[in-house]
Amino acid sequence: MPKEKKEEVTPYNIWRDPSAPNQEFEHKDFMRRLKEVHGIDPATTTGTKRMISHIDGDTWFSWNHEWEIAGKKFTQHTRDLRTGMDREIWDDHD
């Protein structure tokens, strides 16, 4: 019996800002937002991050972090594709 075709997934790196609850921001747009809306210069400001969740898929993995930057909290949601040896290890070998 042939293997079932795996669903194609798309990597992403999006940010959410509680001051814009219905919006998602690509990374570069969020870095600009930090400066323009919150007065935070991402080039000179450090923050702390806390992992909220990590999920492993067979061809991908994702994680969510809560960032605290200059006393404000934001969330980052990412998904990356498995590659190379990492992908081979997770591949179904039936």
C-alpha atoms as a PDB file:
ATOM      1  CA  MET A   1       0.000   0.000   0.000  1.00  0.00           C
ATOM      2  CA  PRO A   2       1.479   3.410  -0.926  1.00  0.00           C
ATOM      3  CA  LYS A   3       2.284   5.905   1.818  1.00  0.00           C
ATOM      4  CA  GLU A   4      -0.321   8.545   2.505  1.00  0.00           C
ATOM      5  CA  LYS A   5       0.852  11.911   1.182  1.00  0.00           C
ATOM      6  CA  LYS A   6       1.765  14.251   4.039  1.00  0.00           C
ATOM      7  CA  GLU A   7       0.075  17.607   4.229  1.00  0.00           C
ATOM      8  CA  GLU A   8       2.346  20.440   3.100  1.00  0.00           C
ATOM      9  CA  VAL A   9       2.875  23.019   5.819  1.00  0.00           C
ATOM     10  CA  THR A  10       4.193  26.550   5.543  1.00  0.00           C
ATOM     11  CA  PRO A  11       6.729  28.012   7.981  1.00  0.00           C
ATOM     12  CA  TYR A  12       5.806  31.241   9.742  1.00  0.00           C
ATOM     13  CA  ASN A  13       7.039  33.691  12.347  1.00  0.00           C
ATOM     14  CA  ILE A  14       4.184  35.907  13.483  1.00  0.00           C
ATOM     15  CA  TRP A  15       3.794  38.202  16.433  1.00  0.00           C
ATOM     16  CA  ARG A  16       0.753  39.351  18.362  1.00  0.00           C
ATOM     17  CA  ASP A  17       0.459  42.571  20.310  1.00  0.00           C
ATOM     18  CA  PRO A  18      -2.287  42.957  22.954  1.00  0.00           C
ATOM     19  CA  SER A  19      -2.749  46.585  21.866  1.00  0.00           C
ATOM     20  CA  ALA A  20      -3.903  45.270  18.440  1.00  0.00           C
ATOM     21  CA  PRO A  21      -5.802  42.098  19.438  1.00  0.00           C
ATOM     22  CA  ASN A  22      -7.188  41.234  15.989  1.00  0.00           C
ATOM     23  CA  GLN A  23      -3.909  41.582  14.085  1.00  0.00           C
ATOM     24  CA  GLU A  24      -0.910  39.376  13.362  1.00  0.00           C
ATOM     25  CA  PHE A  25       2.443  40.870  12.373  1.00  0.00           C
ATOM     26  CA  GLU A  26       5.248  39.390  10.301  1.00  0.00           C
ATOM     27  CA  HIS A  27       8.565  39.666  12.133  1.00  0.00           C
ATOM     28  CA  LYS A  28       9.913  42.713  10.246  1.00  0.00           C
ATOM     29  CA  ASP A  29       6.577  44.534  10.634  1.00  0.00           C
ATOM     30  CA  PHE A  30       6.514  43.796  14.346  1.00  0.00           C
ATOM     31  CA  MET A  31      10.046  45.127  14.825  1.00  0.00           C
ATOM     32  CA  ARG A  32       8.917  48.341  13.120  1.00  0.00           C
ATOM     33  CA  ARG A  33       5.761  48.392  15.293  1.00  0.00           C
ATOM     34  CA  LEU A  34       7.829  48.111  18.475  1.00  0.00           C
ATOM     35  CA  LYS A  35       9.625  51.318  17.527  1.00  0.00           C
ATOM     36  CA  GLU A  36       6.771  53.308  15.980  1.00  0.00           C
ATOM     37  CA  VAL A  37       3.901  52.353  18.319  1.00  0.00           C
ATOM     38  CA  HIS A  38       5.631  51.479  21.587  1.00  0.00           C
ATOM     39  CA  GLY A  39       8.800  53.586  21.382  1.00  0.00           C
ATOM     40  CA  ILE A  40      10.980  50.486  21.823  1.00  0.00           C
ATOM     41  CA  ASP A  41      14.119  50.269  19.699  1.00  0.00           C
ATOM     42  CA  PRO A  42      14.623  46.538  18.986  1.00  0.00           C
ATOM     43  CA  ALA A  43      18.269  47.181  18.057  1.00  0.00           C
ATOM     44  CA  THR A  44      19.146  48.431  21.547  1.00  0.00           C
ATOM     45  CA  THR A  45      16.505  46.901  23.842  1.00  0.00           C
ATOM     46  CA  THR A  46      16.656  43.440  25.339  1.00  0.00           C
ATOM     47  CA  GLY A  47      13.761  41.358  26.563  1.00  0.00           C
ATOM     48  CA  THR A  48      13.035  38.041  28.176  1.00  0.00           C
ATOM     49  CA  LYS A  49      11.116  35.175  26.673  1.00  0.00           C
ATOM     50  CA  ARG A  50       9.187  32.314  28.190  1.00  0.00           C
ATOM     51  CA  MET A  51       8.170  29.250  26.216  1.00  0.00           C
ATOM     52  CA  ILE A  52       4.411  28.760  26.270  1.00  0.00           C
ATOM     53  CA  SER A  53       4.290  25.632  24.119  1.00  0.00           C
ATOM     54  CA  HIS A  54       6.266  23.428  21.749  1.00  0.00           C
ATOM     55  CA  ILE A  55       4.643  21.033  19.279  1.00  0.00           C
ATOM     56  CA  ASP A  56       6.388  18.391  17.192  1.00  0.00           C
ATOM     57  CA  GLY A  57       4.956  17.283  13.871  1.00  0.00           C
ATOM     58  CA  ASP A  58       6.482  14.717  11.567  1.00  0.00           C
ATOM     59  CA  THR A  59       7.649  17.256   8.955  1.00  0.00           C
ATOM     60  CA  TRP A  60       7.550  20.418  11.101  1.00  0.00           C
ATOM     61  CA  PHE A  61       7.852  21.766  14.646  1.00  0.00           C
ATOM     62  CA  SER A  62       6.462  24.884  16.248  1.00  0.00           C
ATOM     63  CA  TRP A  63       6.733  26.895  19.413  1.00  0.00           C
ATOM     64  CA  ASN A  64       5.065  29.862  21.054  1.00  0.00           C
ATOM     65  CA  HIS A  65       6.895  32.323  23.276  1.00  0.00           C
ATOM     66  CA  GLU A  66       5.740  35.139  25.499  1.00  0.00           C
ATOM     67  CA  TRP A  67       8.170  38.047  25.354  1.00  0.00           C
ATOM     68  CA  GLU A  68       8.464  40.811  27.920  1.00  0.00           C
ATOM     69  CA  ILE A  69      10.147  43.816  26.337  1.00  0.00           C
ATOM     70  CA  ALA A  70      10.414  47.127  28.196  1.00  0.00           C
ATOM     71  CA  GLY A  71       7.668  46.015  30.593  1.00  0.00           C
ATOM     72  CA  LYS A  72       5.224  45.089  27.814  1.00  0.00           C
ATOM     73  CA  LYS A  73       4.217  41.521  26.874  1.00  0.00           C
ATOM     74  CA  PHE A  74       3.931  40.149  23.337  1.00  0.00           C
ATOM     75  CA  THR A  75       3.603  36.664  21.862  1.00  0.00           C
ATOM     76  CA  GLN A  76       5.592  35.090  19.057  1.00  0.00           C
ATOM     77  CA  HIS A  77       4.255  32.080  17.126  1.00  0.00           C
ATOM     78  CA  THR A  78       6.604  30.142  14.850  1.00  0.00           C
ATOM     79  CA  ARG A  79       6.653  27.008  12.719  1.00  0.00           C
ATOM     80  CA  ASP A  80       9.688  25.587  10.915  1.00  0.00           C
ATOM     81  CA  LEU A  81      10.099  22.629   8.629  1.00  0.00           C
ATOM     82  CA  ARG A  82      12.247  19.678   9.579  1.00  0.00           C
ATOM     83  CA  THR A  83      15.271  19.285   7.336  1.00  0.00           C
ATOM     84  CA  GLY A  84      18.149  16.887   6.767  1.00  0.00           C
ATOM     85  CA  MET A  85      18.782  14.229   9.385  1.00  0.00           C
ATOM     86  CA  ASP A  86      16.108  15.694  11.660  1.00  0.00           C
ATOM     87  CA  ARG A  87      13.463  15.091   8.990  1.00  0.00           C
ATOM     88  CA  GLU A  88      14.775  11.574   8.262  1.00  0.00           C
ATOM     89  CA  ILE A  89      14.513  10.607  11.942  1.00  0.00           C
ATOM     90  CA  TRP A  90      10.869  11.737  12.078  1.00  0.00           C
ATOM     91  CA  ASP A  91       9.957  10.175   8.726  1.00  0.00           C
ATOM     92  CA  ASP A  92       7.528   7.252   8.904  1.00  0.00           C
ATOM     93  CA  HIS A  93       9.490   4.144   7.882  1.00  0.00           C
ATOM     94  CA  ASP A  94       6.572   1.736   7.254  1.00  0.00           C
END
